[in-house]
Amino acid sequence: MFICAGKLESFEFAKSIGIGLIDSSIELTRICLQQVPKSLIFLGSAGSYNENVNIGDIYYSFKATQIEISYLQNKSYTPIDNAIEISHNLNVSCETFNKLSNKLANIKQATINSSNYITSTSKYNSTMINIGITLENMEFFSVLKVSQIFKIPCIGIFCVSNFVNESAHEEFIKNHYLIKEKLKDFISNFYKII
């Protein structure tokens, strides 16, 4: 099953789950209980902490973190695990993932950081890169958590829409149409859904 945040990031072939960590986890839980999907493929835009990537680059991920700026500033801590990785083999007997396996060999894997806030400063980009986090997307941490609880194979496919900096929102708006088209093209190359 294809899923996406919705609103500006809607796809006719994907179910919308809501924006941010809370709404996406509630709606995806409802979907998993009512429809019992065999697999989840999350499609979304992402901001890049690394300015050496290109707008429009495609990444995939099985790993997400939920790190806030206050944590990087040593002004907060969390008693819960702030990283999740779905470790499974793409050779699972799942038709959806089998179609993905060859295509993923041509794109990079990334760790995604999620927050209910979009970062509008580049001050912490090098810190994020140094701890192995490449991209920022609001929903992916909750998507992986729900998939883990329900034991559903899950992967995220992301298209870089902007760099994490003071102009993040303007870049996202400027590149939004391009990002949606690139994700549609990527999926339609091996799925007869569009």
C-alpha atoms as a PDB file:
ATOM      1  CA  MET A   1       0.000   0.000   0.000  1.00  0.00           C
ATOM      2  CA  PHE A   2       1.272   3.435  -0.948  1.00  0.00           C
ATOM      3  CA  ILE A   3       0.852   6.145   1.683  1.00  0.00           C
ATOM      4  CA  CYS A   4       1.675   9.866   1.790  1.00  0.00           C
ATOM      5  CA  ALA A   5       1.152  12.826   4.100  1.00  0.00           C
ATOM      6  CA  GLY A   6      -1.662  14.327   2.060  1.00  0.00           C
ATOM      7  CA  LYS A   7      -2.793  17.907   1.440  1.00  0.00           C
ATOM      8  CA  LEU A   8       0.019  19.384  -0.706  1.00  0.00           C
ATOM      9  CA  GLU A   9       1.674  15.959  -0.908  1.00  0.00           C
ATOM     10  CA  SER A  10      -1.200  13.874  -2.225  1.00  0.00           C
ATOM     11  CA  PHE A  11      -0.990  11.188  -4.893  1.00  0.00           C
ATOM     12  CA  GLU A  12      -4.058   9.638  -6.529  1.00  0.00           C
ATOM     13  CA  PHE A  13      -2.651   6.137  -5.940  1.00  0.00           C
ATOM     14  CA  ALA A  14      -1.656   6.686  -2.269  1.00  0.00           C
ATOM     15  CA  LYS A  15      -3.646   6.927   0.943  1.00  0.00           C
ATOM     16  CA  SER A  16      -3.166  10.171   2.862  1.00  0.00           C
ATOM     17  CA  ILE A  17      -2.223   9.737   6.519  1.00  0.00           C
ATOM     18  CA  GLY A  18      -1.888  13.333   7.705  1.00  0.00           C
ATOM     19  CA  ILE A  19       0.886  15.820   8.351  1.00  0.00           C
ATOM     20  CA  GLY A  20       3.296  15.529  11.268  1.00  0.00           C
ATOM     21  CA  LEU A  21       4.070  12.828  13.786  1.00  0.00           C
ATOM     22  CA  ILE A  22       0.739  12.690  15.618  1.00  0.00           C
ATOM     23  CA  ASP A  23      -1.838  12.797  12.821  1.00  0.00           C
ATOM     24  CA  SER A  24       0.152  10.374  10.670  1.00  0.00           C
ATOM     25  CA  SER A  25       0.480   7.821  13.469  1.00  0.00           C
ATOM     26  CA  ILE A  26      -3.241   7.985  14.313  1.00  0.00           C
ATOM     27  CA  GLU A  27      -4.431   7.674  10.713  1.00  0.00           C
ATOM     28  CA  LEU A  28      -1.904   4.981   9.779  1.00  0.00           C
ATOM     29  CA  THR A  29      -2.925   2.952  12.837  1.00  0.00           C
ATOM     30  CA  ARG A  30      -6.558   3.211  11.727  1.00  0.00           C
ATOM     31  CA  ILE A  31      -5.612   2.065   8.218  1.00  0.00           C
ATOM     32  CA  CYS A  32      -3.581  -0.868   9.555  1.00  0.00           C
ATOM     33  CA  LEU A  33      -6.448  -2.011  11.784  1.00  0.00           C
ATOM     34  CA  GLN A  34      -9.143  -1.683   9.122  1.00  0.00           C
ATOM     35  CA  GLN A  35      -7.323  -2.676   5.935  1.00  0.00           C
ATOM     36  CA  VAL A  36      -4.383  -4.813   7.164  1.00  0.00           C
ATOM     37  CA  PRO A  37      -1.890  -3.850   4.426  1.00  0.00           C
ATOM     38  CA  LYS A  38       0.794  -6.389   3.483  1.00  0.00           C
ATOM     39  CA  SER A  39       3.402  -3.657   3.005  1.00  0.00           C
ATOM     40  CA  LEU A  40       3.737   0.112   3.317  1.00  0.00           C
ATOM     41  CA  ILE A  41       5.565   2.411   0.919  1.00  0.00           C
ATOM     42  CA  PHE A  42       5.668   5.991   2.163  1.00  0.00           C
ATOM     43  CA  LEU A  43       6.254   8.701  -0.457  1.00  0.00           C
ATOM     44  CA  GLY A  44       7.333  12.153   0.583  1.00  0.00           C
ATOM     45  CA  SER A  45       9.443  15.235   0.141  1.00  0.00           C
ATOM     46  CA  ALA A  46      12.489  15.829   2.288  1.00  0.00           C
ATOM     47  CA  GLY A  47      14.792  18.647   3.213  1.00  0.00           C
ATOM     48  CA  SER A  48      18.497  17.856   2.969  1.00  0.00           C
ATOM     49  CA  TYR A  49      21.043  18.699   5.657  1.00  0.00           C
ATOM     50  CA  ASN A  50      23.744  18.180   3.026  1.00  0.00           C
ATOM     51  CA  GLU A  51      24.018  20.852   0.332  1.00  0.00           C
ATOM     52  CA  ASN A  52      26.126  18.515  -1.836  1.00  0.00           C
ATOM     53  CA  VAL A  53      22.995  16.654  -2.942  1.00  0.00           C
ATOM     54  CA  ASN A  54      20.708  17.926  -5.685  1.00  0.00           C
ATOM     55  CA  ILE A  55      17.126  19.111  -5.506  1.00  0.00           C
ATOM     56  CA  GLY A  56      15.134  16.261  -7.042  1.00  0.00           C
ATOM     57  CA  ASP A  57      17.454  13.464  -5.878  1.00  0.00           C
ATOM     58  CA  ILE A  58      15.611  10.311  -4.810  1.00  0.00           C
ATOM     59  CA  TYR A  59      16.498   8.412  -1.619  1.00  0.00           C
ATOM     60  CA  TYR A  60      15.041   5.409   0.169  1.00  0.00           C
ATOM     61  CA  SER A  61      15.022   4.633   3.874  1.00  0.00           C
ATOM     62  CA  PHE A  62      14.288   2.021   6.517  1.00  0.00           C
ATOM     63  CA  LYS A  63      15.640   4.202   9.346  1.00  0.00           C
ATOM     64  CA  ALA A  64      14.384   7.336  11.084  1.00  0.00           C
ATOM     65  CA  THR A  65      15.192   9.439  14.112  1.00  0.00           C
ATOM     66  CA  GLN A  66      13.145  11.912  16.092  1.00  0.00           C
ATOM     67  CA  ILE A  67      15.674  14.500  17.233  1.00  0.00           C
ATOM     68  CA  GLU A  68      14.741  18.062  18.157  1.00  0.00           C
ATOM     69  CA  ILE A  69      17.123  21.044  18.043  1.00  0.00           C
ATOM     70  CA  SER A  70      16.911  21.386  21.829  1.00  0.00           C
ATOM     71  CA  TYR A  71      18.410  17.881  22.084  1.00  0.00           C
ATOM     72  CA  LEU A  72      21.355  18.956  19.913  1.00  0.00           C
ATOM     73  CA  GLN A  73      21.794  21.998  22.155  1.00  0.00           C
ATOM     74  CA  ASN A  74      21.902  19.776  25.283  1.00  0.00           C
ATOM     75  CA  LYS A  75      18.763  21.540  26.529  1.00  0.00           C
ATOM     76  CA  SER A  76      16.533  18.463  26.562  1.00  0.00           C
ATOM     77  CA  TYR A  77      16.625  14.703  26.894  1.00  0.00           C
ATOM     78  CA  THR A  78      14.190  11.903  26.205  1.00  0.00           C
ATOM     79  CA  PRO A  79      13.383   8.731  28.144  1.00  0.00           C
ATOM     80  CA  ILE A  80      12.176   7.050  24.929  1.00  0.00           C
ATOM     81  CA  ASP A  81      14.103   5.632  22.011  1.00  0.00           C
ATOM     82  CA  ASN A  82      14.574   8.381  19.424  1.00  0.00           C
ATOM     83  CA  ALA A  83      15.757   6.124  16.583  1.00  0.00           C
ATOM     84  CA  ILE A  84      14.036   3.293  14.750  1.00  0.00           C
ATOM     85  CA  GLU A  85      15.169   0.984  11.994  1.00  0.00           C
ATOM     86  CA  ILE A  86      13.043  -1.589  10.246  1.00  0.00           C
ATOM     87  CA  SER A  87      15.500  -4.349   9.521  1.00  0.00           C
ATOM     88  CA  HIS A  88      14.105  -6.715   6.962  1.00  0.00           C
ATOM     89  CA  ASN A  89      15.253  -8.166   3.731  1.00  0.00           C
ATOM     90  CA  LEU A  90      13.794  -6.801   0.510  1.00  0.00           C
ATOM     91  CA  ASN A  91      13.512 -10.400  -0.656  1.00  0.00           C
ATOM     92  CA  VAL A  92      10.484 -10.944   1.575  1.00  0.00           C
ATOM     93  CA  SER A  93       7.689 -12.756  -0.214  1.00  0.00           C
ATOM     94  CA  CYS A  94       5.917  -9.519  -0.866  1.00  0.00           C
ATOM     95  CA  GLU A  95       5.218  -8.576  -4.483  1.00  0.00           C
ATOM     96  CA  THR A  96       5.432  -4.854  -3.728  1.00  0.00           C
ATOM     97  CA  PHE A  97       8.928  -5.063  -2.275  1.00  0.00           C
ATOM     98  CA  ASN A  98      10.138  -7.525  -4.888  1.00  0.00           C
ATOM     99  CA  LYS A  99       9.344  -4.916  -7.541  1.00  0.00           C
ATOM    100  CA  LEU A 100      11.358  -2.346  -5.602  1.00  0.00           C
ATOM    101  CA  SER A 101      14.507  -4.389  -4.995  1.00  0.00           C
ATOM    102  CA  ASN A 102      16.174  -3.893  -8.388  1.00  0.00           C
ATOM    103  CA  LYS A 103      15.277  -0.200  -8.618  1.00  0.00           C
ATOM    104  CA  LEU A 104      16.721   0.586  -5.177  1.00  0.00           C
ATOM    105  CA  ALA A 105      20.178  -0.538  -6.263  1.00  0.00           C
ATOM    106  CA  ASN A 106      20.405   2.687  -8.271  1.00  0.00           C
ATOM    107  CA  ILE A 107      19.539   5.155  -5.505  1.00  0.00           C
ATOM    108  CA  LYS A 108      21.056   6.122  -2.153  1.00  0.00           C
ATOM    109  CA  GLN A 109      19.840   5.093   1.266  1.00  0.00           C
ATOM    110  CA  ALA A 110      19.380   7.724   3.977  1.00  0.00           C
ATOM    111  CA  THR A 111      18.454   8.128   7.612  1.00  0.00           C
ATOM    112  CA  ILE A 112      15.518  10.509   7.984  1.00  0.00           C
ATOM    113  CA  ASN A 113      14.916  12.839  10.941  1.00  0.00           C
ATOM    114  CA  SER A 114      11.303  13.619  11.815  1.00  0.00           C
ATOM    115  CA  SER A 115       9.810  16.384  13.898  1.00  0.00           C
ATOM    116  CA  ASN A 116       6.556  18.296  14.099  1.00  0.00           C
ATOM    117  CA  TYR A 117       8.694  21.327  13.236  1.00  0.00           C
ATOM    118  CA  ILE A 118      10.502  22.126   9.993  1.00  0.00           C
ATOM    119  CA  THR A 119      14.043  23.302  10.628  1.00  0.00           C
ATOM    120  CA  SER A 120      14.676  26.820   9.353  1.00  0.00           C
ATOM    121  CA  THR A 121      18.361  27.152  10.164  1.00  0.00           C
ATOM    122  CA  SER A 122      21.473  25.492   8.769  1.00  0.00           C
ATOM    123  CA  LYS A 123      23.305  25.868  12.098  1.00  0.00           C
ATOM    124  CA  TYR A 124      22.980  22.171  13.006  1.00  0.00           C
ATOM    125  CA  ASN A 125      23.327  20.635   9.547  1.00  0.00           C
ATOM    126  CA  SER A 126      26.926  19.490  10.062  1.00  0.00           C
ATOM    127  CA  THR A 127      25.954  17.884  13.375  1.00  0.00           C
ATOM    128  CA  MET A 128      23.150  15.943  11.697  1.00  0.00           C
ATOM    129  CA  ILE A 129      25.429  14.862   8.843  1.00  0.00           C
ATOM    130  CA  ASN A 130      28.150  13.782  11.313  1.00  0.00           C
ATOM    131  CA  ILE A 131      25.725  11.503  13.167  1.00  0.00           C
ATOM    132  CA  GLY A 132      24.592   9.957   9.881  1.00  0.00           C
ATOM    133  CA  ILE A 133      21.307  11.777   9.283  1.00  0.00           C
ATOM    134  CA  THR A 134      20.845  13.022   5.724  1.00  0.00           C
ATOM    135  CA  LEU A 135      17.237  14.163   5.307  1.00  0.00           C
ATOM    136  CA  GLU A 136      14.314  15.690   7.192  1.00  0.00           C
ATOM    137  CA  ASN A 137      10.676  14.597   6.742  1.00  0.00           C
ATOM    138  CA  MET A 138       7.919  15.239   9.266  1.00  0.00           C
ATOM    139  CA  GLU A 139       6.104  11.881   9.175  1.00  0.00           C
ATOM    140  CA  PHE A 140       8.554   9.046   8.584  1.00  0.00           C
ATOM    141  CA  PHE A 141       9.481   8.261  12.206  1.00  0.00           C
ATOM    142  CA  SER A 142       5.830   7.649  13.088  1.00  0.00           C
ATOM    143  CA  VAL A 143       5.293   5.634   9.892  1.00  0.00           C
ATOM    144  CA  LEU A 144       8.148   3.293  10.836  1.00  0.00           C
ATOM    145  CA  LYS A 145       6.938   3.031  14.442  1.00  0.00           C
ATOM    146  CA  VAL A 146       3.427   2.024  13.383  1.00  0.00           C
ATOM    147  CA  SER A 147       4.770  -0.464  10.838  1.00  0.00           C
ATOM    148  CA  GLN A 148       7.020  -1.960  13.512  1.00  0.00           C
ATOM    149  CA  ILE A 149       4.113  -2.412  15.944  1.00  0.00           C
ATOM    150  CA  PHE A 150       1.971  -4.089  13.274  1.00  0.00           C
ATOM    151  CA  LYS A 151       4.955  -6.056  11.838  1.00  0.00           C
ATOM    152  CA  ILE A 152       4.324  -4.716   8.342  1.00  0.00           C
ATOM    153  CA  PRO A 153       7.288  -4.342   5.945  1.00  0.00           C
ATOM    154  CA  CYS A 154       7.835  -0.634   5.317  1.00  0.00           C
ATOM    155  CA  ILE A 155      10.068   1.610   3.254  1.00  0.00           C
ATOM    156  CA  GLY A 156      10.181   5.343   2.579  1.00  0.00           C
ATOM    157  CA  ILE A 157      10.895   6.860  -0.823  1.00  0.00           C
ATOM    158  CA  PHE A 158      11.881  10.533  -0.661  1.00  0.00           C
ATOM    159  CA  CYS A 159      12.609  13.286  -3.143  1.00  0.00           C
ATOM    160  CA  VAL A 160      14.772  16.207  -1.999  1.00  0.00           C
ATOM    161  CA  SER A 161      12.655  19.354  -2.155  1.00  0.00           C
ATOM    162  CA  ASN A 162      14.877  21.848  -0.347  1.00  0.00           C
ATOM    163  CA  PHE A 163      17.932  22.345   1.801  1.00  0.00           C
ATOM    164  CA  VAL A 164      17.589  22.719   5.555  1.00  0.00           C
ATOM    165  CA  ASN A 165      18.256  26.421   5.976  1.00  0.00           C
ATOM    166  CA  GLU A 166      16.580  29.792   6.424  1.00  0.00           C
ATOM    167  CA  SER A 167      14.912  29.523   2.991  1.00  0.00           C
ATOM    168  CA  ALA A 168      13.580  25.968   3.487  1.00  0.00           C
ATOM    169  CA  HIS A 169       9.895  26.845   3.139  1.00  0.00           C
ATOM    170  CA  GLU A 170      10.342  29.015   0.063  1.00  0.00           C
ATOM    171  CA  GLU A 171      12.469  26.318  -1.615  1.00  0.00           C
ATOM    172  CA  PHE A 172       9.882  23.666  -0.766  1.00  0.00           C
ATOM    173  CA  ILE A 173       7.063  25.723  -2.315  1.00  0.00           C
ATOM    174  CA  LYS A 174       9.172  26.509  -5.394  1.00  0.00           C
ATOM    175  CA  ASN A 175      10.093  22.838  -5.969  1.00  0.00           C
ATOM    176  CA  HIS A 176       6.892  21.173  -4.826  1.00  0.00           C
ATOM    177  CA  TYR A 177       5.437  20.381  -8.263  1.00  0.00           C
ATOM    178  CA  LEU A 178       8.789  19.006  -9.493  1.00  0.00           C
ATOM    179  CA  ILE A 179       9.058  16.748  -6.430  1.00  0.00           C
ATOM    180  CA  LYS A 180       5.584  15.274  -6.881  1.00  0.00           C
ATOM    181  CA  GLU A 181       6.241  14.595 -10.559  1.00  0.00           C
ATOM    182  CA  LYS A 182       9.623  12.963  -9.848  1.00  0.00           C
ATOM    183  CA  LEU A 183       8.061  10.676  -7.222  1.00  0.00           C
ATOM    184  CA  LYS A 184       5.216   9.754  -9.600  1.00  0.00           C
ATOM    185  CA  ASP A 185       7.697   9.015 -12.389  1.00  0.00           C
ATOM    186  CA  PHE A 186       9.878   6.938 -10.082  1.00  0.00           C
ATOM    187  CA  ILE A 187       6.951   4.798  -8.951  1.00  0.00           C
ATOM    188  CA  SER A 188       5.348   4.500 -12.391  1.00  0.00           C
ATOM    189  CA  ASN A 189       8.596   3.089 -13.819  1.00  0.00           C
ATOM    190  CA  PHE A 190       7.858  -0.236 -12.188  1.00  0.00           C
ATOM    191  CA  TYR A 191       4.252  -0.121 -10.958  1.00  0.00           C
ATOM    192  CA  LYS A 192       1.263  -0.019 -13.278  1.00  0.00           C
ATOM    193  CA  ILE A 193      -0.654   2.383 -11.055  1.00  0.00           C
ATOM    194  CA  ILE A 194      -0.606   5.698 -12.866  1.00  0.00           C
END
